[in-house]
Amino acid sequence: MSSQSARITYWSPNKWIYKFPYANEIALEECAKRGIDVNLGWELMKIVRNAHGEKIGTFKHVDSGALKDHPFTHVNINPNSLPHQELVDSGISGNNGMVDVCPYTLQHKRFENIFAFGDCIDGETTRTQHAAHAQTPIVKYNVQAYLEGKQLSGVYDGYTYLPFMLGHSNMTCFQHLWDYEPAPLNHWVPNYGQFSQQYFYYSIKGNMKETEKFASFKKNHGPPHYSFSASYDPLEKNEYLLNKGVNIPALQARNKDHKLIA
């Protein structure tokens, strides 16, 4: 229905497409190659029809407050997410509405009997299905250890995986750890060519099978092994925590005598 001169435009009140800087750089490069206009820092305020029946979106710049009208024929809108006030008031979540867990053990920082995983947890990460899969065995192990009065030695390193669609039959991927530290296989697939096409079909099929396996309700030990439970080194020997310079005695103290960690 649009004319051949129509352009795709991207608007966001954020200053990025992805908070993962590397992925954001690649996405902006691809938009520039494809002639997609990117407008960052603009919040959609309203949509109206003018006297000629044309649809107009009004955007407000988040810094200057300047207003800009932009005509369009079709729009996809992802509304802003707001925190549940009852969770903020209870102290379960912070002011951003995300559950305030220790990023490594996924145990709540104030309520020791609360564990959380998935999109709801706080921290500098990209919330994906694969991140939830990686967090599942950590929560399982640590909940069992907590109930038995043992050390919570299951540690989540922040691993997440983002499939990046580049067209009908091309795909690459991004992977990072906590604080957007690139994972070893980050962006290992080239954006275009035979490998990108093969990875597209491999990823679509593989992700579907992984999701079916994860949510099948079949009796198993769960990810990552399914046929047996995951096990973890003691905190003082965890290479990720040691390399990050994490205060390991503070993590250990919380589990031993139930003192709170800031």
C-alpha atoms as a PDB file:
ATOM      1  CA  MET A   1       0.000   0.000   0.000  1.00  0.00           C
ATOM      2  CA  SER A   2       2.987   2.326   0.448  1.00  0.00           C
ATOM      3  CA  SER A   3       4.671   4.160  -2.389  1.00  0.00           C
ATOM      4  CA  GLN A   4       8.059   3.068  -3.666  1.00  0.00           C
ATOM      5  CA  SER A   5       9.559   6.215  -2.139  1.00  0.00           C
ATOM      6  CA  ALA A   6       8.397   5.241   1.364  1.00  0.00           C
ATOM      7  CA  ARG A   7      11.109   4.652   3.963  1.00  0.00           C
ATOM      8  CA  ILE A   8      11.265   2.579   7.101  1.00  0.00           C
ATOM      9  CA  THR A   9      11.978   4.687  10.176  1.00  0.00           C
ATOM     10  CA  TYR A  10      12.865   3.592  13.714  1.00  0.00           C
ATOM     11  CA  TRP A  11      11.958   5.778  16.695  1.00  0.00           C
ATOM     12  CA  SER A  12      12.866   5.176  20.312  1.00  0.00           C
ATOM     13  CA  PRO A  13      13.059   7.274  23.504  1.00  0.00           C
ATOM     14  CA  ASN A  14      16.255   5.318  24.280  1.00  0.00           C
ATOM     15  CA  LYS A  15      19.674   6.343  23.019  1.00  0.00           C
ATOM     16  CA  TRP A  16      20.315   2.867  21.619  1.00  0.00           C
ATOM     17  CA  ILE A  17      18.712  -0.034  19.778  1.00  0.00           C
ATOM     18  CA  TYR A  18      20.591  -2.577  21.921  1.00  0.00           C
ATOM     19  CA  LYS A  19      22.194  -1.755  25.278  1.00  0.00           C
ATOM     20  CA  PHE A  20      24.898  -4.269  24.352  1.00  0.00           C
ATOM     21  CA  PRO A  21      27.283  -1.744  22.700  1.00  0.00           C
ATOM     22  CA  TYR A  22      28.735  -4.180  20.170  1.00  0.00           C
ATOM     23  CA  ALA A  23      25.317  -5.356  18.995  1.00  0.00           C
ATOM     24  CA  ASN A  24      24.086  -1.763  18.854  1.00  0.00           C
ATOM     25  CA  GLU A  25      26.988  -0.792  16.598  1.00  0.00           C
ATOM     26  CA  ILE A  26      26.240  -3.655  14.190  1.00  0.00           C
ATOM     27  CA  ALA A  27      22.515  -2.847  14.150  1.00  0.00           C
ATOM     28  CA  LEU A  28      23.153   0.828  13.383  1.00  0.00           C
ATOM     29  CA  GLU A  29      25.539  -0.128  10.572  1.00  0.00           C
ATOM     30  CA  GLU A  30      22.913  -2.421   9.049  1.00  0.00           C
ATOM     31  CA  CYS A  31      20.250   0.282   9.267  1.00  0.00           C
ATOM     32  CA  ALA A  32      22.548   2.725   7.492  1.00  0.00           C
ATOM     33  CA  LYS A  33      23.256   0.176   4.721  1.00  0.00           C
ATOM     34  CA  ARG A  34      19.536  -0.451   4.200  1.00  0.00           C
ATOM     35  CA  GLY A  35      18.460   3.198   4.232  1.00  0.00           C
ATOM     36  CA  ILE A  36      16.512   2.858   7.494  1.00  0.00           C
ATOM     37  CA  ASP A  37      16.203   6.171   9.332  1.00  0.00           C
ATOM     38  CA  VAL A  38      17.054   5.802  13.027  1.00  0.00           C
ATOM     39  CA  ASN A  39      15.702   8.437  15.427  1.00  0.00           C
ATOM     40  CA  LEU A  40      16.969   7.845  18.960  1.00  0.00           C
ATOM     41  CA  GLY A  41      15.904   9.880  21.971  1.00  0.00           C
ATOM     42  CA  TRP A  42      12.386  10.582  20.639  1.00  0.00           C
ATOM     43  CA  GLU A  43       9.279   9.478  22.561  1.00  0.00           C
ATOM     44  CA  LEU A  44       5.935   8.988  20.824  1.00  0.00           C
ATOM     45  CA  MET A  45       3.340  11.275  22.432  1.00  0.00           C
ATOM     46  CA  LYS A  46       0.249  10.891  20.249  1.00  0.00           C
ATOM     47  CA  ILE A  47      -1.116   9.795  16.885  1.00  0.00           C
ATOM     48  CA  VAL A  48      -3.776  11.819  15.056  1.00  0.00           C
ATOM     49  CA  ARG A  49      -5.239  12.253  11.593  1.00  0.00           C
ATOM     50  CA  ASN A  50      -4.933  15.652   9.964  1.00  0.00           C
ATOM     51  CA  ALA A  51      -7.574  17.368   7.866  1.00  0.00           C
ATOM     52  CA  HIS A  52      -6.565  15.290   4.836  1.00  0.00           C
ATOM     53  CA  GLY A  53      -6.877  11.961   6.681  1.00  0.00           C
ATOM     54  CA  GLU A  54      -3.122  11.528   6.869  1.00  0.00           C
ATOM     55  CA  LYS A  55      -1.819   9.746   9.998  1.00  0.00           C
ATOM     56  CA  ILE A  56       0.627  11.877  11.979  1.00  0.00           C
ATOM     57  CA  GLY A  57       2.806  10.809  14.897  1.00  0.00           C
ATOM     58  CA  THR A  58       4.006  13.477  17.326  1.00  0.00           C
ATOM     59  CA  PHE A  59       7.359  12.796  18.980  1.00  0.00           C
ATOM     60  CA  LYS A  60       9.034  14.609  21.875  1.00  0.00           C
ATOM     61  CA  HIS A  61      12.800  14.768  22.293  1.00  0.00           C
ATOM     62  CA  VAL A  62      13.662  13.357  25.718  1.00  0.00           C
ATOM     63  CA  ASP A  63      16.439  15.931  26.328  1.00  0.00           C
ATOM     64  CA  SER A  64      15.342  19.170  24.713  1.00  0.00           C
ATOM     65  CA  GLY A  65      11.573  18.697  24.867  1.00  0.00           C
ATOM     66  CA  ALA A  66      11.282  19.687  21.199  1.00  0.00           C
ATOM     67  CA  LEU A  67       8.272  18.302  19.323  1.00  0.00           C
ATOM     68  CA  LYS A  68       8.339  16.798  15.842  1.00  0.00           C
ATOM     69  CA  ASP A  69       5.478  15.574  13.641  1.00  0.00           C
ATOM     70  CA  HIS A  70       6.070  12.649  11.323  1.00  0.00           C
ATOM     71  CA  PRO A  71       3.529  11.296   8.787  1.00  0.00           C
ATOM     72  CA  PHE A  72       3.252   7.537   8.267  1.00  0.00           C
ATOM     73  CA  THR A  73       1.123   4.873   6.610  1.00  0.00           C
ATOM     74  CA  HIS A  74       1.799   2.001   9.012  1.00  0.00           C
ATOM     75  CA  VAL A  75       3.284   1.787  12.500  1.00  0.00           C
ATOM     76  CA  ASN A  76       4.356  -0.948  14.940  1.00  0.00           C
ATOM     77  CA  ILE A  77       4.375   0.307  18.535  1.00  0.00           C
ATOM     78  CA  ASN A  78       6.050  -1.280  21.555  1.00  0.00           C
ATOM     79  CA  PRO A  79       4.623   0.636  24.549  1.00  0.00           C
ATOM     80  CA  ASN A  80       6.775   1.608  27.517  1.00  0.00           C
ATOM     81  CA  SER A  81       6.840  -0.821  30.423  1.00  0.00           C
ATOM     82  CA  LEU A  82       5.990   0.475  33.895  1.00  0.00           C
ATOM     83  CA  PRO A  83       6.830  -1.228  37.212  1.00  0.00           C
ATOM     84  CA  HIS A  84       4.158  -2.884  39.338  1.00  0.00           C
ATOM     85  CA  GLN A  85       3.875  -0.489  42.266  1.00  0.00           C
ATOM     86  CA  GLU A  86       3.002  -3.242  44.741  1.00  0.00           C
ATOM     87  CA  LEU A  87       6.335  -4.942  44.001  1.00  0.00           C
ATOM     88  CA  VAL A  88       8.221  -1.674  44.467  1.00  0.00           C
ATOM     89  CA  ASP A  89       6.398  -0.931  47.751  1.00  0.00           C
ATOM     90  CA  SER A  90       7.103  -4.436  49.072  1.00  0.00           C
ATOM     91  CA  GLY A  91      10.827  -4.125  48.450  1.00  0.00           C
ATOM     92  CA  ILE A  92      10.873  -7.144  46.160  1.00  0.00           C
ATOM     93  CA  SER A  93      11.762  -4.945  43.198  1.00  0.00           C
ATOM     94  CA  GLY A  94      13.694  -1.725  42.831  1.00  0.00           C
ATOM     95  CA  ASN A  95      12.245   1.486  41.438  1.00  0.00           C
ATOM     96  CA  ASN A  96      12.720   0.111  37.943  1.00  0.00           C
ATOM     97  CA  GLY A  97      10.321  -2.759  38.716  1.00  0.00           C
ATOM     98  CA  MET A  98      12.943  -5.489  38.345  1.00  0.00           C
ATOM     99  CA  VAL A  99      13.421  -8.119  41.067  1.00  0.00           C
ATOM    100  CA  ASP A 100      16.477  -7.167  43.121  1.00  0.00           C
ATOM    101  CA  VAL A 101      18.502 -10.384  43.113  1.00  0.00           C
ATOM    102  CA  CYS A 102      22.184 -11.090  43.547  1.00  0.00           C
ATOM    103  CA  PRO A 103      23.329 -11.324  39.914  1.00  0.00           C
ATOM    104  CA  TYR A 104      25.423 -14.431  40.573  1.00  0.00           C
ATOM    105  CA  THR A 105      23.315 -16.666  42.860  1.00  0.00           C
ATOM    106  CA  LEU A 106      19.954 -15.176  41.762  1.00  0.00           C
ATOM    107  CA  GLN A 107      18.872 -15.027  45.407  1.00  0.00           C
ATOM    108  CA  HIS A 108      17.082 -11.864  46.534  1.00  0.00           C
ATOM    109  CA  LYS A 109      19.373  -9.341  48.220  1.00  0.00           C
ATOM    110  CA  ARG A 110      16.961  -8.687  51.106  1.00  0.00           C
ATOM    111  CA  PHE A 111      14.562 -11.634  51.246  1.00  0.00           C
ATOM    112  CA  GLU A 112      16.677 -14.767  51.411  1.00  0.00           C
ATOM    113  CA  ASN A 113      13.754 -17.110  50.634  1.00  0.00           C
ATOM    114  CA  ILE A 114      13.109 -15.468  47.244  1.00  0.00           C
ATOM    115  CA  PHE A 115      14.905 -16.563  44.084  1.00  0.00           C
ATOM    116  CA  ALA A 116      14.121 -15.261  40.604  1.00  0.00           C
ATOM    117  CA  PHE A 117      15.141 -15.846  36.997  1.00  0.00           C
ATOM    118  CA  GLY A 118      14.116 -14.807  33.506  1.00  0.00           C
ATOM    119  CA  ASP A 119      13.045 -11.402  32.251  1.00  0.00           C
ATOM    120  CA  CYS A 120      12.091 -10.103  35.718  1.00  0.00           C
ATOM    121  CA  ILE A 121      15.575  -9.950  37.278  1.00  0.00           C
ATOM    122  CA  ASP A 122      17.579  -6.743  37.603  1.00  0.00           C
ATOM    123  CA  GLY A 123      21.041  -6.220  36.151  1.00  0.00           C
ATOM    124  CA  GLU A 124      22.854  -5.100  33.039  1.00  0.00           C
ATOM    125  CA  THR A 125      21.904  -7.894  30.658  1.00  0.00           C
ATOM    126  CA  THR A 126      19.768  -8.641  27.616  1.00  0.00           C
ATOM    127  CA  ARG A 127      16.660 -10.580  28.600  1.00  0.00           C
ATOM    128  CA  THR A 128      16.223 -13.500  26.239  1.00  0.00           C
ATOM    129  CA  GLN A 129      14.831 -17.016  26.247  1.00  0.00           C
ATOM    130  CA  HIS A 130      18.364 -18.420  26.255  1.00  0.00           C
ATOM    131  CA  ALA A 131      19.267 -16.357  29.311  1.00  0.00           C
ATOM    132  CA  ALA A 132      16.319 -17.915  31.174  1.00  0.00           C
ATOM    133  CA  HIS A 133      17.477 -21.366  30.099  1.00  0.00           C
ATOM    134  CA  ALA A 134      20.973 -20.632  31.422  1.00  0.00           C
ATOM    135  CA  GLN A 135      19.596 -19.318  34.727  1.00  0.00           C
ATOM    136  CA  THR A 136      17.290 -22.294  35.354  1.00  0.00           C
ATOM    137  CA  PRO A 137      19.914 -24.770  36.666  1.00  0.00           C
ATOM    138  CA  ILE A 138      21.442 -22.019  38.833  1.00  0.00           C
ATOM    139  CA  VAL A 139      18.137 -21.356  40.587  1.00  0.00           C
ATOM    140  CA  LYS A 140      17.369 -25.072  40.860  1.00  0.00           C
ATOM    141  CA  TYR A 141      20.734 -25.854  42.450  1.00  0.00           C
ATOM    142  CA  ASN A 142      20.711 -22.860  44.812  1.00  0.00           C
ATOM    143  CA  VAL A 143      17.118 -23.371  45.986  1.00  0.00           C
ATOM    144  CA  GLN A 144      17.950 -26.976  46.879  1.00  0.00           C
ATOM    145  CA  ALA A 145      21.145 -25.869  48.633  1.00  0.00           C
ATOM    146  CA  TYR A 146      19.248 -23.166  50.547  1.00  0.00           C
ATOM    147  CA  LEU A 147      16.630 -25.654  51.762  1.00  0.00           C
ATOM    148  CA  GLU A 148      19.411 -27.980  52.915  1.00  0.00           C
ATOM    149  CA  GLY A 149      21.393 -25.201  54.609  1.00  0.00           C
ATOM    150  CA  LYS A 150      24.332 -25.568  52.218  1.00  0.00           C
ATOM    151  CA  GLN A 151      26.427 -22.990  50.389  1.00  0.00           C
ATOM    152  CA  LEU A 152      24.809 -21.441  47.321  1.00  0.00           C
ATOM    153  CA  SER A 153      27.572 -22.250  44.870  1.00  0.00           C
ATOM    154  CA  GLY A 154      25.589 -22.103  41.642  1.00  0.00           C
ATOM    155  CA  VAL A 155      26.865 -19.010  39.802  1.00  0.00           C
ATOM    156  CA  TYR A 156      25.271 -17.336  36.787  1.00  0.00           C
ATOM    157  CA  ASP A 157      27.809 -15.518  34.613  1.00  0.00           C
ATOM    158  CA  GLY A 158      25.201 -13.467  32.771  1.00  0.00           C
ATOM    159  CA  TYR A 159      25.261 -15.528  29.576  1.00  0.00           C
ATOM    160  CA  THR A 160      22.618 -14.566  27.038  1.00  0.00           C
ATOM    161  CA  TYR A 161      22.179 -15.210  23.332  1.00  0.00           C
ATOM    162  CA  LEU A 162      20.453 -12.946  20.805  1.00  0.00           C
ATOM    163  CA  PRO A 163      19.597 -14.222  17.308  1.00  0.00           C
ATOM    164  CA  PHE A 164      19.934 -11.292  14.894  1.00  0.00           C
ATOM    165  CA  MET A 165      17.754 -11.528  11.797  1.00  0.00           C
ATOM    166  CA  LEU A 166      19.246  -9.910   8.710  1.00  0.00           C
ATOM    167  CA  GLY A 167      16.600 -10.845   6.178  1.00  0.00           C
ATOM    168  CA  HIS A 168      14.430 -13.721   5.034  1.00  0.00           C
ATOM    169  CA  SER A 169      17.278 -16.255   5.065  1.00  0.00           C
ATOM    170  CA  ASN A 170      20.220 -14.600   6.809  1.00  0.00           C
ATOM    171  CA  MET A 171      21.048 -14.562  10.486  1.00  0.00           C
ATOM    172  CA  THR A 172      23.933 -13.965  12.850  1.00  0.00           C
ATOM    173  CA  CYS A 173      24.028 -13.881  16.633  1.00  0.00           C
ATOM    174  CA  PHE A 174      25.226 -11.920  19.634  1.00  0.00           C
ATOM    175  CA  GLN A 175      26.259 -13.380  22.980  1.00  0.00           C
ATOM    176  CA  HIS A 176      27.411 -11.620  26.125  1.00  0.00           C
ATOM    177  CA  LEU A 177      27.918 -12.077  29.861  1.00  0.00           C
ATOM    178  CA  TRP A 178      27.150  -9.700  32.728  1.00  0.00           C
ATOM    179  CA  ASP A 179      27.828  -6.006  32.110  1.00  0.00           C
ATOM    180  CA  TYR A 180      27.782  -6.671  28.357  1.00  0.00           C
ATOM    181  CA  GLU A 181      31.110  -8.459  28.315  1.00  0.00           C
ATOM    182  CA  PRO A 182      31.214 -10.281  24.939  1.00  0.00           C
ATOM    183  CA  ALA A 183      30.998 -14.071  25.269  1.00  0.00           C
ATOM    184  CA  PRO A 184      33.619 -16.233  23.509  1.00  0.00           C
ATOM    185  CA  LEU A 185      31.332 -17.003  20.534  1.00  0.00           C
ATOM    186  CA  ASN A 186      29.870 -13.521  20.170  1.00  0.00           C
ATOM    187  CA  HIS A 187      29.049 -12.724  16.508  1.00  0.00           C
ATOM    188  CA  TRP A 188      30.864 -15.797  15.231  1.00  0.00           C
ATOM    189  CA  VAL A 189      28.629 -16.052  12.146  1.00  0.00           C
ATOM    190  CA  PRO A 190      29.234 -13.577   9.261  1.00  0.00           C
ATOM    191  CA  ASN A 191      26.307 -11.322   8.427  1.00  0.00           C
ATOM    192  CA  TYR A 192      25.879 -12.559   4.851  1.00  0.00           C
ATOM    193  CA  GLY A 193      26.826 -15.426   2.579  1.00  0.00           C
ATOM    194  CA  GLN A 194      26.521 -19.193   2.766  1.00  0.00           C
ATOM    195  CA  PHE A 195      27.359 -19.511   6.463  1.00  0.00           C
ATOM    196  CA  SER A 196      24.781 -16.893   7.395  1.00  0.00           C
ATOM    197  CA  GLN A 197      22.117 -18.699   5.361  1.00  0.00           C
ATOM    198  CA  GLN A 198      22.975 -22.093   6.845  1.00  0.00           C
ATOM    199  CA  TYR A 199      22.972 -20.622  10.331  1.00  0.00           C
ATOM    200  CA  PHE A 200      19.493 -19.165   9.715  1.00  0.00           C
ATOM    201  CA  TYR A 201      17.958 -22.593   9.184  1.00  0.00           C
ATOM    202  CA  TYR A 202      20.100 -24.204  11.873  1.00  0.00           C
ATOM    203  CA  SER A 203      19.117 -21.561  14.411  1.00  0.00           C
ATOM    204  CA  ILE A 204      15.392 -21.598  13.620  1.00  0.00           C
ATOM    205  CA  LYS A 205      15.251 -25.382  13.955  1.00  0.00           C
ATOM    206  CA  GLY A 206      17.607 -25.556  16.935  1.00  0.00           C
ATOM    207  CA  ASN A 207      15.819 -22.849  18.919  1.00  0.00           C
ATOM    208  CA  MET A 208      12.467 -24.509  18.323  1.00  0.00           C
ATOM    209  CA  LYS A 209      13.761 -27.888  19.533  1.00  0.00           C
ATOM    210  CA  GLU A 210      15.406 -26.324  22.578  1.00  0.00           C
ATOM    211  CA  THR A 211      12.197 -24.541  23.542  1.00  0.00           C
ATOM    212  CA  GLU A 212      10.143 -27.706  23.101  1.00  0.00           C
ATOM    213  CA  LYS A 213      12.590 -29.631  25.263  1.00  0.00           C
ATOM    214  CA  PHE A 214      12.649 -26.954  27.955  1.00  0.00           C
ATOM    215  CA  ALA A 215       8.855 -26.654  28.179  1.00  0.00           C
ATOM    216  CA  SER A 216       7.892 -30.257  27.478  1.00  0.00           C
ATOM    217  CA  PHE A 217       6.918 -31.137  31.100  1.00  0.00           C
ATOM    218  CA  LYS A 218       8.690 -34.461  30.603  1.00  0.00           C
ATOM    219  CA  LYS A 219      10.357 -35.809  33.730  1.00  0.00           C
ATOM    220  CA  ASN A 220      14.066 -34.942  33.545  1.00  0.00           C
ATOM    221  CA  HIS A 221      16.752 -33.020  35.417  1.00  0.00           C
ATOM    222  CA  GLY A 222      16.320 -29.872  33.344  1.00  0.00           C
ATOM    223  CA  PRO A 223      18.953 -27.855  31.479  1.00  0.00           C
ATOM    224  CA  PRO A 224      21.759 -27.892  30.716  1.00  0.00           C
ATOM    225  CA  HIS A 225      22.205 -31.689  30.805  1.00  0.00           C
ATOM    226  CA  TYR A 226      18.612 -32.980  31.243  1.00  0.00           C
ATOM    227  CA  SER A 227      19.829 -36.538  31.973  1.00  0.00           C
ATOM    228  CA  PHE A 228      21.651 -35.460  35.156  1.00  0.00           C
ATOM    229  CA  SER A 229      21.765 -32.362  37.351  1.00  0.00           C
ATOM    230  CA  ALA A 230      24.381 -29.658  36.983  1.00  0.00           C
ATOM    231  CA  SER A 231      27.038 -29.332  39.686  1.00  0.00           C
ATOM    232  CA  TYR A 232      29.185 -26.323  40.581  1.00  0.00           C
ATOM    233  CA  ASP A 233      32.559 -25.574  42.153  1.00  0.00           C
ATOM    234  CA  PRO A 234      32.654 -23.921  45.594  1.00  0.00           C
ATOM    235  CA  LEU A 235      32.454 -20.136  45.428  1.00  0.00           C
ATOM    236  CA  GLU A 236      36.093 -19.680  46.430  1.00  0.00           C
ATOM    237  CA  LYS A 237      37.143 -21.767  43.419  1.00  0.00           C
ATOM    238  CA  ASN A 238      34.740 -20.281  40.884  1.00  0.00           C
ATOM    239  CA  GLU A 239      36.889 -18.899  38.062  1.00  0.00           C
ATOM    240  CA  TYR A 240      34.298 -16.401  36.886  1.00  0.00           C
ATOM    241  CA  LEU A 241      33.958 -14.791  40.343  1.00  0.00           C
ATOM    242  CA  LEU A 242      37.729 -14.762  40.810  1.00  0.00           C
ATOM    243  CA  ASN A 243      38.313 -13.109  37.426  1.00  0.00           C
ATOM    244  CA  LYS A 244      35.590 -10.535  38.149  1.00  0.00           C
ATOM    245  CA  GLY A 245      37.080  -9.682  41.540  1.00  0.00           C
ATOM    246  CA  VAL A 246      33.764 -10.399  43.294  1.00  0.00           C
ATOM    247  CA  ASN A 247      33.675 -10.221  47.099  1.00  0.00           C
ATOM    248  CA  ILE A 248      33.370 -13.978  47.598  1.00  0.00           C
ATOM    249  CA  PRO A 249      33.437 -13.912  51.452  1.00  0.00           C
ATOM    250  CA  ALA A 250      30.369 -11.643  51.358  1.00  0.00           C
ATOM    251  CA  LEU A 251      28.495 -14.173  49.232  1.00  0.00           C
ATOM    252  CA  GLN A 252      29.541 -16.978  51.541  1.00  0.00           C
ATOM    253  CA  ALA A 253      28.560 -15.021  54.670  1.00  0.00           C
ATOM    254  CA  ARG A 254      25.038 -14.479  53.401  1.00  0.00           C
ATOM    255  CA  ASN A 255      24.420 -18.199  53.107  1.00  0.00           C
ATOM    256  CA  LYS A 256      26.141 -19.148  56.379  1.00  0.00           C
ATOM    257  CA  ASP A 257      24.472 -16.820  58.857  1.00  0.00           C
ATOM    258  CA  HIS A 258      21.759 -15.157  56.733  1.00  0.00           C
ATOM    259  CA  LYS A 259      23.238 -11.680  56.935  1.00  0.00           C
ATOM    260  CA  LEU A 260      22.072  -9.288  54.263  1.00  0.00           C
ATOM    261  CA  ILE A 261      24.372  -8.153  51.480  1.00  0.00           C
ATOM    262  CA  ALA A 262      24.117  -4.607  50.166  1.00  0.00           C
END
